[in-house]
Amino acid sequence: MSTQVAQPLRLRRVAIDTYRENVAFLHRDCPAYRTEGFQALAKVRVSSANGEGRRIVALLNIVDDASIVGTGEIGLGEQAFDQLAAVEGAECSVDHAEPPRSLDAVHRKIAGERLDYPDFRAIANDIVSNRYSKVEMAAFLVSCGQTGLEREEVLHLTRAMVETGERLDWGEALVADKHCIGGIPGNRTSMLVVPIVAAHGMLIPKTSSRAITSPAGTADTMSVLARVDLPMDEIQAIVRRERGCLAWGGTARLAPVDDFLISVERPLSIDSPGQMVASILSKKIAAGATHLLVDIPMGPSAKVRDMGAALRLRKLFEFVGDRLGLHIEVVMTDGSEPIGRGIGPVLEARDVMQVLQNDAVAPQDLRQKALRLAGRVLEFDPDVRGGQGFALARDILDSGRALSKMRDIIVAQGEVDGPPRQPGRLRQEVRSEREGVVTAIDNHQLARIARLAGAPMDLGAGVDLHKKLGDQVDAGELLYTVYADFPSDARFAEERVKQSVGYTIEAASAQVGARAGGSALTQELS
């Protein structure tokens, strides 16, 4: 039972971006703080007195600086202020907030119990209503990762995430989408698949998350070329006109619980299999997809290391998709090295445009993988015979139709003003210490170097590869270049490089083994 503070406080907007968490500020000498026993990091309920009775739950911070919040004021961060929808200076009251009831389910999950659909629905409702702090969301995510999610739990979580947001209905029998589970730097195939498929005339509304643990996501890279923060009505208009888009799903309220969880997953680098499947499928279903192609790269330094793990993940995708009415095809691909040359938004956008422009210097591995994936998506079309998709995708790319469609999508979403974005102004060249052949490339290490250099927050930061698997290398020859915008980030990346350059270089006799590493997986897409 809450005891409301009688004396109202004046509302003050505190210009702090608290990133998907409601935060309130009270001065230490505020009567409410001193008489009601509030503590820092406690959750409070803030109510406006403007006649609408709007209330929000926020995490309390205590300040000692009256220039931030006075003793008779309640301050709200940007997100909380917007949610309360009251004018600055309005009277507000603050009282203790009751803990969300769904936390009981989180405690049971921590203890290893299996949760049912009502449990996950209650958790999703409380998260999307801002009743969970980031600490509580972290507890939920860690419990799901440590104790694991059974396949029925993944199904329940996916459904709960879909039903707590909006859902698009395109009114068409075939709405295609494609998604990669990640873990392979530079794997920017979606930005090629979408214009190829859309140029064919199939509907492919691609809404993507920003990077969680990688140096760039599709939305991060597309933001180099065009606006990606689009409201739902604008996404719908663009897709109906252009047959496709490459947008960030966070502003469209499509499975919004996922965006809250990602805000915690990103700093903790959490990406458990069950949570990943629920995150991907909830977004696709909410975006109105009927047919989905899932790319699972497999390799010694990928998210999925062996065929057994890949098959288990495929079965989980198919189980959840089948029960939620989503047709899913899963392909396992070669994840033994980065795809393309660039790692980081600007560098990856460069690779994509080179492929679309049929540039002679375009990375051929990116081109070939994108064509095979696009071909599989095109074969969802009943008018395209099985096995003909690759040739059709290649014709669309070679003819320039894909480039034209990409330009149309960029203009429709809002082309980025000014000159083209450039790689970071600070650069470090990483050279080989020995002569030989590249027999292994550590995806995780190179991704880590790119992130420490500032990617994806700094669009120009990242790693530009000059050597790939099987390439001959001389001593002192350039392996890759690291780009950063700020000296501190450049130093962090440099220290990581000193630990390991991420390349294994052996005598020329190892070349055959290096080239054979991903052959079986490459054939999976053929």
Protein backbone atom coordinates (compact mmCIF):
# COMPACT_ATOMS: atom_id res chain seq x y z
CA MET A 1 0.00 0.00 0.00
CA SER A 2 1.57 3.29 -1.06
CA THR A 3 1.50 6.46 1.04
CA GLN A 4 1.28 9.47 -1.24
CA VAL A 5 3.22 12.62 -0.41
CA ALA A 6 0.74 15.40 0.35
CA GLN A 7 2.85 18.33 -0.75
CA PRO A 8 3.08 18.57 -4.56
CA LEU A 9 6.39 19.07 -6.31
CA ARG A 10 7.07 21.14 -9.42
CA LEU A 11 8.04 19.18 -12.49
CA ARG A 12 11.44 19.86 -14.03
CA ARG A 13 12.85 18.43 -17.24
CA VAL A 14 16.39 17.12 -16.78
CA ALA A 15 18.09 16.96 -20.17
CA ILE A 16 19.62 13.50 -19.78
CA ASP A 17 19.09 10.62 -22.18
CA THR A 18 18.62 7.64 -19.86
CA TYR A 19 18.31 5.15 -22.77
CA ARG A 20 15.08 3.23 -22.34
CA GLU A 21 14.85 3.68 -18.58
CA ASN A 22 12.62 6.09 -16.69
CA VAL A 23 14.72 8.05 -14.20
CA ALA A 24 13.51 10.61 -11.62
CA PHE A 25 15.66 13.06 -9.62
CA LEU A 26 15.05 14.42 -6.10
CA HIS A 27 17.23 16.81 -4.13
CA ARG A 28 18.63 15.33 -0.92
CA ASP A 29 16.97 18.13 1.07
CA CYS A 30 13.59 17.62 -0.59
CA PRO A 31 10.86 17.11 2.06
CA ALA A 32 9.59 14.10 0.13
CA TYR A 33 12.99 12.45 0.30
CA ARG A 34 13.49 13.21 3.99
CA THR A 35 10.02 12.30 5.29
CA GLU A 36 9.01 9.35 3.06
CA GLY A 37 12.20 7.32 3.38
CA PHE A 38 13.01 7.21 -0.34
CA GLN A 39 16.38 5.73 -1.18
CA ALA A 40 18.59 6.12 -4.22
CA LEU A 41 17.77 3.54 -6.92
CA ALA A 42 14.36 2.87 -5.38
CA LYS A 43 11.41 2.84 -7.76
CA VAL A 44 8.88 5.62 -7.36
CA ARG A 45 5.57 6.47 -8.96
CA VAL A 46 5.24 9.98 -10.32
CA SER A 47 1.73 11.32 -10.91
CA SER A 48 0.80 14.48 -12.76
CA ALA A 49 -1.85 16.80 -11.37
CA ASN A 50 -2.99 18.16 -14.75
CA GLY A 51 -6.36 16.48 -14.59
CA GLU A 52 -5.43 13.47 -16.73
CA GLY A 53 -4.07 11.46 -13.83
CA ARG A 54 -1.15 10.14 -15.89
CA ARG A 55 1.37 8.12 -13.91
CA ILE A 56 4.77 6.65 -14.61
CA VAL A 57 7.19 4.45 -12.67
CA ALA A 58 10.79 5.65 -12.50
CA LEU A 59 14.11 4.80 -10.90
CA LEU A 60 15.06 7.40 -8.29
CA ASN A 61 18.38 9.26 -8.30
CA ILE A 62 19.35 11.64 -5.46
CA VAL A 63 21.24 14.85 -6.27
CA ASP A 64 22.97 17.48 -4.14
CA ASP A 65 23.11 20.23 -6.76
CA ALA A 66 20.13 22.60 -6.73
CA SER A 67 20.98 23.69 -10.26
CA ILE A 68 19.89 20.21 -11.40
CA VAL A 69 16.80 19.84 -9.19
CA GLY A 70 15.64 22.15 -6.42
CA THR A 71 14.28 21.06 -3.05
CA GLY A 72 10.69 21.64 -4.16
CA GLU A 73 11.06 19.91 -7.54
CA ILE A 74 10.88 16.46 -9.08
CA GLY A 75 13.17 16.05 -12.09
CA LEU A 76 12.56 13.60 -14.91
CA GLY A 77 14.96 12.41 -17.59
CA GLU A 78 14.00 12.91 -21.23
CA GLN A 79 12.15 9.61 -21.66
CA ALA A 80 10.22 9.84 -18.39
CA PHE A 81 9.31 13.48 -19.01
CA ASP A 82 7.89 12.64 -22.44
CA GLN A 83 5.91 9.71 -21.05
CA LEU A 84 4.32 11.77 -18.27
CA ALA A 85 3.22 14.27 -20.93
CA ALA A 86 3.02 17.19 -18.50
CA VAL A 87 4.42 20.69 -18.94
CA GLU A 88 7.49 21.83 -17.07
CA GLY A 89 6.54 23.50 -13.79
CA ALA A 90 3.33 21.47 -13.43
CA GLU A 91 2.47 20.07 -10.03
CA CYS A 92 3.30 16.40 -9.47
CA SER A 93 3.24 13.98 -6.58
CA VAL A 94 5.63 11.15 -5.87
CA ASP A 95 5.12 7.99 -3.83
CA HIS A 96 6.57 4.54 -3.43
CA ALA A 97 5.96 2.20 -6.36
CA GLU A 98 4.97 -1.37 -5.75
CA PRO A 99 7.36 -3.97 -7.20
CA PRO A 100 6.04 -5.51 -10.42
CA ARG A 101 4.19 -8.71 -9.62
CA SER A 102 5.91 -10.52 -12.46
CA LEU A 103 9.21 -10.37 -10.57
CA ASP A 104 8.00 -13.49 -8.75
CA ALA A 105 8.25 -15.34 -12.08
CA VAL A 106 11.79 -14.01 -12.59
CA HIS A 107 12.76 -15.32 -9.14
CA ARG A 108 11.31 -18.71 -10.04
CA LYS A 109 13.29 -18.71 -13.30
CA ILE A 110 16.47 -17.86 -11.39
CA ALA A 111 15.75 -20.94 -9.26
CA GLY A 112 15.58 -23.04 -12.42
CA GLU A 113 11.82 -23.41 -12.76
CA ARG A 114 10.02 -23.56 -16.10
CA LEU A 115 7.74 -20.59 -16.85
CA ASP A 116 4.46 -20.71 -18.76
CA TYR A 117 2.84 -18.23 -21.14
CA PRO A 118 1.05 -16.13 -18.45
CA ASP A 119 4.43 -15.68 -16.71
CA PHE A 120 6.14 -14.42 -19.85
CA ARG A 121 3.16 -12.26 -20.78
CA ALA A 122 3.21 -10.62 -17.34
CA ILE A 123 6.97 -10.01 -17.57
CA ALA A 124 6.62 -8.54 -21.08
CA ASN A 125 3.76 -6.26 -19.98
CA ASP A 126 5.74 -4.94 -17.02
CA ILE A 127 8.87 -4.36 -19.10
CA VAL A 128 7.07 -2.45 -21.83
CA SER A 129 5.28 -0.41 -19.16
CA ASN A 130 8.66 0.68 -17.71
CA ARG A 131 8.04 -1.12 -14.42
CA TYR A 132 11.37 -2.96 -14.64
CA SER A 133 14.68 -1.33 -13.89
CA LYS A 134 17.65 -2.36 -15.99
CA VAL A 135 18.95 -4.37 -13.03
CA GLU A 136 15.71 -6.36 -12.99
CA MET A 137 15.81 -6.85 -16.77
CA ALA A 138 19.40 -8.05 -16.45
CA ALA A 139 18.28 -10.57 -13.82
CA PHE A 140 15.62 -11.87 -16.21
CA LEU A 141 18.07 -12.14 -19.13
CA VAL A 142 20.77 -13.83 -17.06
CA SER A 143 18.26 -16.30 -15.60
CA CYS A 144 17.13 -17.24 -19.11
CA GLY A 145 20.72 -17.64 -20.23
CA GLN A 146 22.03 -19.54 -17.21
CA THR A 147 19.13 -21.92 -16.57
CA GLY A 148 18.17 -22.10 -20.24
CA LEU A 149 14.84 -21.82 -22.02
CA GLU A 150 13.02 -24.95 -23.12
CA ARG A 151 11.54 -24.76 -26.59
CA GLU A 152 8.01 -24.20 -25.24
CA GLU A 153 9.37 -21.32 -23.14
CA VAL A 154 10.94 -19.77 -26.23
CA LEU A 155 7.54 -20.09 -27.94
CA HIS A 156 5.78 -18.42 -24.98
CA LEU A 157 8.33 -15.61 -24.79
CA THR A 158 8.12 -14.96 -28.54
CA ARG A 159 4.32 -14.79 -28.45
CA ALA A 160 4.36 -12.48 -25.41
CA MET A 161 6.84 -10.14 -27.11
CA VAL A 162 4.67 -9.96 -30.24
CA GLU A 163 1.44 -9.35 -28.35
CA THR A 164 2.76 -6.47 -26.24
CA GLY A 165 3.39 -4.31 -29.32
CA GLU A 166 1.85 -3.40 -32.63
CA ARG A 167 1.64 -5.76 -35.57
CA LEU A 168 1.67 -4.99 -39.26
CA ASP A 169 -0.67 -6.62 -41.74
CA TRP A 170 0.32 -6.08 -45.36
CA GLY A 171 -2.73 -7.82 -46.80
CA GLU A 172 -0.56 -10.06 -49.00
CA ALA A 173 -0.08 -13.81 -48.94
CA LEU A 174 3.70 -13.59 -49.34
CA VAL A 175 5.76 -11.17 -47.24
CA ALA A 176 9.42 -12.17 -47.26
CA ASP A 177 12.25 -11.46 -44.84
CA LYS A 178 15.80 -12.60 -44.22
CA HIS A 179 17.86 -12.59 -41.04
CA CYS A 180 21.35 -13.65 -39.99
CA ILE A 181 21.97 -14.61 -36.36
CA GLY A 182 25.18 -12.56 -36.44
CA GLY A 183 28.65 -13.22 -35.13
CA ILE A 184 30.39 -12.74 -38.49
CA PRO A 185 31.88 -9.25 -39.01
CA GLY A 186 31.00 -7.49 -42.25
CA ASN A 187 28.18 -9.89 -43.11
CA ARG A 188 25.99 -7.17 -44.61
CA THR A 189 23.99 -9.36 -47.01
CA SER A 190 20.57 -7.94 -46.04
CA MET A 191 21.41 -4.63 -47.71
CA LEU A 192 21.86 -6.57 -50.96
CA VAL A 193 19.06 -9.11 -50.56
CA VAL A 194 16.40 -6.45 -49.94
CA PRO A 195 16.91 -4.41 -53.15
CA ILE A 196 17.28 -7.59 -55.24
CA VAL A 197 14.06 -9.12 -53.88
CA ALA A 198 12.15 -5.80 -53.98
CA ALA A 199 13.26 -5.25 -57.59
CA HIS A 200 11.69 -8.62 -58.40
CA GLY A 201 8.43 -7.30 -56.97
CA MET A 202 8.20 -9.33 -53.77
CA LEU A 203 7.34 -7.51 -50.54
CA ILE A 204 10.31 -7.45 -48.13
CA PRO A 205 9.91 -4.95 -45.24
CA LYS A 206 13.25 -5.32 -43.49
CA THR A 207 13.19 -3.89 -39.97
CA SER A 208 16.42 -4.50 -38.10
CA SER A 209 17.83 -4.00 -34.64
CA ARG A 210 20.98 -2.07 -34.03
CA ALA A 211 24.11 -4.00 -33.12
CA ILE A 212 24.10 -5.81 -29.76
CA THR A 213 27.53 -7.42 -29.58
CA SER A 214 28.82 -6.72 -33.12
CA PRO A 215 30.55 -3.66 -34.65
CA ALA A 216 27.53 -2.95 -36.85
CA GLY A 217 23.99 -4.09 -37.47
CA THR A 218 22.01 -3.61 -40.66
CA ALA A 219 20.31 -0.52 -39.22
CA ASP A 220 23.68 0.96 -38.17
CA THR A 221 25.14 0.47 -41.64
CA MET A 222 22.03 1.69 -43.48
CA SER A 223 22.12 4.85 -41.34
CA VAL A 224 25.31 5.80 -43.22
CA LEU A 225 23.20 6.13 -46.37
CA ALA A 226 19.66 6.98 -45.22
CA ARG A 227 17.38 7.67 -42.30
CA VAL A 228 16.44 4.48 -40.43
CA ASP A 229 14.47 5.90 -37.46
CA LEU A 230 11.10 5.81 -39.18
CA PRO A 231 7.61 5.81 -37.63
CA MET A 232 5.35 2.94 -38.55
CA ASP A 233 3.11 4.90 -40.92
CA GLU A 234 6.17 6.02 -42.89
CA ILE A 235 7.55 2.48 -43.05
CA GLN A 236 4.22 1.25 -44.40
CA ALA A 237 4.06 3.97 -47.06
CA ILE A 238 7.65 3.31 -48.21
CA VAL A 239 7.20 -0.45 -48.39
CA ARG A 240 3.95 -0.23 -50.33
CA ARG A 241 5.60 2.12 -52.84
CA GLU A 242 9.06 0.54 -53.12
CA ARG A 243 8.23 -3.08 -52.07
CA GLY A 244 10.96 -2.94 -49.42
CA CYS A 245 12.78 -0.94 -46.77
CA LEU A 246 15.85 -1.14 -44.52
CA ALA A 247 14.74 0.51 -41.28
CA TRP A 248 15.30 0.29 -37.55
CA GLY A 249 12.35 -1.39 -35.85
CA GLY A 250 12.74 0.43 -32.53
CA THR A 251 10.62 3.47 -33.41
CA ALA A 252 7.81 1.39 -34.91
CA ARG A 253 6.76 -0.36 -31.65
CA LEU A 254 7.18 -3.77 -33.24
CA ALA A 255 7.78 -6.18 -30.34
CA PRO A 256 9.02 -3.24 -28.22
CA VAL A 257 9.98 -5.51 -25.31
CA ASP A 258 12.87 -6.65 -27.47
CA ASP A 259 14.24 -3.10 -27.68
CA PHE A 260 14.15 -2.77 -23.89
CA LEU A 261 15.99 -6.06 -23.48
CA ILE A 262 18.56 -5.13 -26.13
CA SER A 263 19.37 -1.98 -24.13
CA VAL A 264 20.60 -4.35 -21.39
CA GLU A 265 22.01 -7.08 -23.62
CA ARG A 266 24.29 -4.65 -25.44
CA PRO A 267 26.46 -3.50 -22.48
CA LEU A 268 26.46 -7.00 -20.96
CA SER A 269 27.18 -8.71 -24.34
CA ILE A 270 24.42 -11.23 -23.61
CA ASP A 271 23.03 -13.16 -26.57
CA SER A 272 21.70 -16.55 -25.37
CA PRO A 273 20.17 -18.91 -28.00
CA GLY A 274 16.61 -18.93 -26.65
CA GLN A 275 16.50 -15.18 -26.18
CA MET A 276 18.02 -14.68 -29.62
CA VAL A 277 15.36 -16.83 -31.33
CA ALA A 278 12.55 -15.02 -29.48
CA SER A 279 14.05 -11.64 -30.35
CA ILE A 280 14.40 -12.42 -34.06
CA LEU A 281 11.07 -14.14 -34.58
CA SER A 282 9.01 -11.66 -32.54
CA LYS A 283 10.30 -8.81 -34.70
CA LYS A 284 9.65 -10.69 -37.94
CA ILE A 285 6.13 -11.73 -36.97
CA ALA A 286 5.29 -8.24 -35.71
CA ALA A 287 6.57 -6.80 -39.00
CA GLY A 288 4.09 -8.98 -40.86
CA ALA A 289 6.49 -11.51 -42.41
CA THR A 290 4.99 -14.76 -43.69
CA HIS A 291 8.21 -16.33 -45.06
CA LEU A 292 11.62 -16.04 -43.41
CA LEU A 293 15.11 -17.18 -44.42
CA VAL A 294 17.48 -17.57 -41.46
CA ASP A 295 21.24 -17.59 -42.01
CA ILE A 296 23.29 -19.47 -39.38
CA PRO A 297 27.01 -18.95 -40.02
CA MET A 298 29.17 -21.68 -38.51
CA GLY A 299 32.88 -21.59 -37.80
CA PRO A 300 35.57 -21.87 -35.12
CA SER A 301 35.13 -18.24 -34.00
CA ALA A 302 31.44 -17.74 -34.93
CA LYS A 303 28.47 -17.79 -32.55
CA VAL A 304 27.77 -21.36 -33.67
CA ARG A 305 30.92 -23.49 -33.63
CA ASP A 306 29.76 -26.94 -34.82
CA MET A 307 27.08 -28.65 -36.86
CA GLY A 308 25.34 -30.13 -33.81
CA ALA A 309 24.73 -26.69 -32.31
CA ALA A 310 23.61 -25.36 -35.70
CA LEU A 311 21.07 -28.16 -36.13
CA ARG A 312 19.67 -27.62 -32.62
CA LEU A 313 19.25 -23.92 -33.35
CA ARG A 314 17.59 -24.67 -36.69
CA LYS A 315 15.09 -27.00 -35.03
CA LEU A 316 14.27 -24.32 -32.45
CA PHE A 317 13.64 -21.71 -35.16
CA GLU A 318 11.43 -24.13 -37.08
CA PHE A 319 9.50 -25.22 -33.97
CA VAL A 320 8.61 -21.68 -32.91
CA GLY A 321 7.98 -20.45 -36.45
CA ASP A 322 5.68 -23.36 -37.28
CA ARG A 323 3.50 -22.79 -34.22
CA LEU A 324 3.23 -19.07 -34.87
CA GLY A 325 2.35 -19.47 -38.54
CA LEU A 326 5.67 -18.33 -39.98
CA HIS A 327 7.24 -20.36 -42.81
CA ILE A 328 10.96 -20.65 -42.05
CA GLU A 329 13.89 -21.97 -44.03
CA VAL A 330 17.26 -22.17 -42.30
CA VAL A 331 20.63 -22.38 -44.04
CA MET A 332 24.01 -23.01 -42.47
CA THR A 333 26.77 -20.96 -44.09
CA ASP A 334 30.52 -20.59 -43.88
CA GLY A 335 31.44 -18.53 -40.82
CA SER A 336 35.18 -19.17 -40.84
CA GLU A 337 36.10 -15.54 -41.62
CA PRO A 338 34.56 -12.06 -42.01
CA ILE A 339 32.41 -11.48 -45.09
CA GLY A 340 33.57 -8.60 -47.28
CA ARG A 341 36.45 -6.32 -46.33
CA GLY A 342 34.92 -3.68 -44.06
CA ILE A 343 33.98 -4.10 -40.39
CA GLY A 344 32.04 -1.09 -39.10
CA PRO A 345 29.15 0.97 -40.56
CA VAL A 346 30.97 3.20 -43.08
CA LEU A 347 33.29 0.46 -44.30
CA GLU A 348 30.45 -2.06 -44.64
CA ALA A 349 28.27 0.47 -46.49
CA ARG A 350 31.16 0.97 -48.92
CA ASP A 351 31.31 -2.78 -49.59
CA VAL A 352 27.54 -2.97 -50.17
CA MET A 353 27.53 -0.11 -52.66
CA GLN A 354 30.51 -1.56 -54.52
CA VAL A 355 28.60 -4.82 -54.99
CA LEU A 356 25.43 -3.01 -56.10
CA GLN A 357 27.45 -0.93 -58.57
CA ASN A 358 29.12 -4.10 -59.96
CA ASP A 359 32.45 -2.46 -59.16
CA ALA A 360 35.49 -4.52 -60.16
CA VAL A 361 36.94 -4.10 -56.64
CA ALA A 362 33.75 -5.22 -54.87
CA PRO A 363 34.32 -8.07 -52.36
CA GLN A 364 33.32 -11.23 -54.20
CA ASP A 365 32.53 -13.27 -51.09
CA LEU A 366 29.90 -10.71 -50.07
CA ARG A 367 28.47 -10.68 -53.60
CA GLN A 368 28.26 -14.47 -53.89
CA LYS A 369 26.74 -15.04 -50.47
CA ALA A 370 24.15 -12.29 -51.00
CA LEU A 371 23.19 -13.77 -54.38
CA ARG A 372 22.71 -17.23 -52.91
CA LEU A 373 20.60 -15.89 -50.03
CA ALA A 374 18.57 -13.66 -52.33
CA GLY A 375 18.05 -16.62 -54.63
CA ARG A 376 16.61 -18.69 -51.79
CA VAL A 377 14.26 -15.85 -50.85
CA LEU A 378 13.14 -15.45 -54.48
CA GLU A 379 12.25 -19.14 -54.48
CA PHE A 380 9.54 -18.41 -51.91
CA ASP A 381 7.72 -17.02 -54.96
CA PRO A 382 5.64 -19.90 -56.40
CA ASP A 383 6.41 -18.59 -59.90
CA VAL A 384 10.15 -19.15 -59.38
CA ARG A 385 11.18 -22.78 -59.73
CA GLY A 386 13.49 -24.34 -57.18
CA GLY A 387 17.11 -23.88 -58.18
CA GLN A 388 16.43 -20.89 -60.43
CA GLY A 389 16.63 -18.23 -57.73
CA PHE A 390 20.39 -17.70 -57.88
CA ALA A 391 20.39 -16.99 -61.62
CA LEU A 392 17.41 -14.66 -61.27
CA ALA A 393 19.11 -12.77 -58.38
CA ARG A 394 22.32 -12.47 -60.41
CA ASP A 395 20.45 -11.06 -63.40
CA ILE A 396 18.73 -8.45 -61.20
CA LEU A 397 22.10 -7.41 -59.72
CA ASP A 398 24.08 -7.42 -62.96
CA SER A 399 21.42 -5.45 -64.85
CA GLY A 400 21.57 -2.57 -62.36
CA ARG A 401 17.96 -3.07 -61.24
CA ALA A 402 19.08 -3.79 -57.67
CA LEU A 403 21.16 -0.60 -57.56
CA SER A 404 18.24 1.41 -58.91
CA LYS A 405 15.91 -0.08 -56.30
CA MET A 406 18.41 0.63 -53.52
CA ARG A 407 18.62 4.27 -54.61
CA ASP A 408 14.82 4.49 -54.60
CA ILE A 409 14.69 3.07 -51.06
CA ILE A 410 17.40 5.50 -49.87
CA VAL A 411 15.52 8.49 -51.30
CA ALA A 412 12.21 7.25 -49.87
CA GLN A 413 13.68 6.83 -46.36
CA GLY A 414 15.55 10.12 -46.55
CA GLU A 415 19.06 10.31 -47.94
CA VAL A 416 21.78 11.45 -45.52
CA ASP A 417 22.72 15.07 -46.21
CA GLY A 418 26.24 16.24 -46.96
CA PRO A 419 29.27 14.50 -48.45
CA PRO A 420 29.64 10.71 -48.11
CA ARG A 421 30.74 9.52 -44.68
CA GLN A 422 34.43 8.65 -44.46
CA PRO A 423 36.41 6.19 -42.31
CA GLY A 424 37.70 7.53 -38.99
CA ARG A 425 40.42 10.17 -39.10
CA LEU A 426 42.86 8.12 -36.97
CA ARG A 427 44.33 5.01 -38.52
CA GLN A 428 46.60 2.18 -37.44
CA GLU A 429 48.14 -0.26 -39.91
CA VAL A 430 48.51 -3.84 -38.67
CA ARG A 431 51.19 -5.82 -40.50
CA SER A 432 52.25 -9.44 -40.57
CA GLU A 433 55.29 -10.42 -38.55
CA ARG A 434 56.03 -13.43 -40.76
CA GLU A 435 55.74 -14.81 -44.25
CA GLY A 436 53.20 -17.50 -45.04
CA VAL A 437 49.55 -18.15 -45.76
CA VAL A 438 46.51 -16.94 -43.76
CA THR A 439 45.05 -20.14 -42.33
CA ALA A 440 42.66 -18.69 -39.72
CA ILE A 441 40.96 -15.39 -38.89
CA ASP A 442 39.43 -14.81 -35.46
CA ASN A 443 36.01 -13.22 -36.05
CA HIS A 444 35.55 -12.40 -32.38
CA GLN A 445 38.93 -10.69 -32.04
CA LEU A 446 38.46 -8.52 -35.12
CA ALA A 447 34.94 -7.58 -34.05
CA ARG A 448 36.27 -6.65 -30.63
CA ILE A 449 39.00 -4.48 -32.13
CA ALA A 450 36.41 -2.68 -34.28
CA ARG A 451 34.14 -2.07 -31.29
CA LEU A 452 37.01 -0.75 -29.18
CA ALA A 453 37.85 1.59 -32.06
CA GLY A 454 34.35 3.07 -31.63
CA ALA A 455 32.03 1.08 -33.91
CA PRO A 456 29.08 1.21 -34.25
CA MET A 457 28.52 4.41 -32.24
CA ASP A 458 31.17 6.16 -34.35
CA LEU A 459 30.05 5.31 -37.88
CA GLY A 460 33.52 5.72 -39.40
CA ALA A 461 35.28 3.48 -36.87
CA GLY A 462 36.17 -0.09 -37.70
CA VAL A 463 38.58 -2.45 -39.40
CA ASP A 464 39.37 -2.66 -43.13
CA LEU A 465 40.74 -6.07 -44.15
CA HIS A 466 43.45 -6.44 -46.77
CA LYS A 467 44.00 -10.19 -46.45
CA LYS A 468 41.54 -13.09 -46.29
CA LEU A 469 41.79 -16.85 -45.73
CA GLY A 470 44.21 -18.54 -48.10
CA ASP A 471 46.00 -15.33 -49.08
CA GLN A 472 49.79 -15.32 -49.33
CA VAL A 473 51.44 -12.82 -46.97
CA ASP A 474 54.98 -11.46 -46.87
CA ALA A 475 56.64 -10.35 -43.67
CA GLY A 476 55.70 -6.73 -43.03
CA GLU A 477 52.75 -6.85 -45.43
CA LEU A 478 49.52 -5.08 -44.44
CA LEU A 479 46.85 -7.34 -42.90
CA TYR A 480 44.27 -4.69 -42.00
CA THR A 481 43.80 -1.06 -41.07
CA VAL A 482 42.03 0.09 -37.89
CA TYR A 483 40.09 3.38 -38.07
CA ALA A 484 38.96 5.48 -35.09
CA ASP A 485 37.68 9.02 -34.54
CA PHE A 486 39.00 9.58 -31.02
CA PRO A 487 42.48 9.04 -29.55
CA SER A 488 41.17 7.10 -26.53
CA ASP A 489 39.33 4.62 -28.78
CA ALA A 490 42.39 4.28 -31.01
CA ARG A 491 44.48 3.42 -27.93
CA PHE A 492 41.95 0.83 -26.73
CA ALA A 493 41.98 -0.84 -30.15
CA GLU A 494 45.78 -0.72 -30.30
CA GLU A 495 46.06 -2.46 -26.93
CA ARG A 496 43.71 -5.19 -28.15
CA VAL A 497 45.78 -5.66 -31.31
CA LYS A 498 48.89 -6.10 -29.12
CA GLN A 499 47.15 -9.02 -27.39
CA SER A 500 46.43 -10.70 -30.71
CA VAL A 501 46.22 -9.52 -34.31
CA GLY A 502 43.47 -12.12 -34.93
CA TYR A 503 45.30 -13.78 -37.85
CA THR A 504 47.02 -17.16 -37.97
CA ILE A 505 49.76 -17.27 -40.59
CA GLU A 506 51.50 -20.54 -41.33
CA ALA A 507 53.81 -22.02 -43.91
CA ALA A 508 52.47 -22.36 -47.46
CA SER A 509 51.75 -26.08 -46.95
CA ALA A 510 48.80 -25.14 -44.70
CA GLN A 511 47.04 -23.34 -47.56
CA VAL A 512 44.97 -26.32 -48.71
CA GLY A 513 43.55 -26.91 -45.24
CA ALA A 514 42.69 -23.23 -44.83
CA ARG A 515 40.81 -23.07 -48.12
CA ALA A 516 38.94 -26.32 -47.41
CA GLY A 517 37.64 -25.11 -44.04
CA GLY A 518 34.30 -23.77 -45.21
CA SER A 519 33.70 -25.66 -48.46
CA ALA A 520 30.96 -27.94 -47.14
CA LEU A 521 29.06 -25.04 -45.62
CA THR A 522 29.38 -22.94 -48.76
CA GLN A 523 27.74 -25.77 -50.70
CA GLU A 524 24.80 -25.60 -48.27
CA LEU A 525 23.69 -22.42 -50.05
CA SER A 526 24.33 -23.65 -53.58
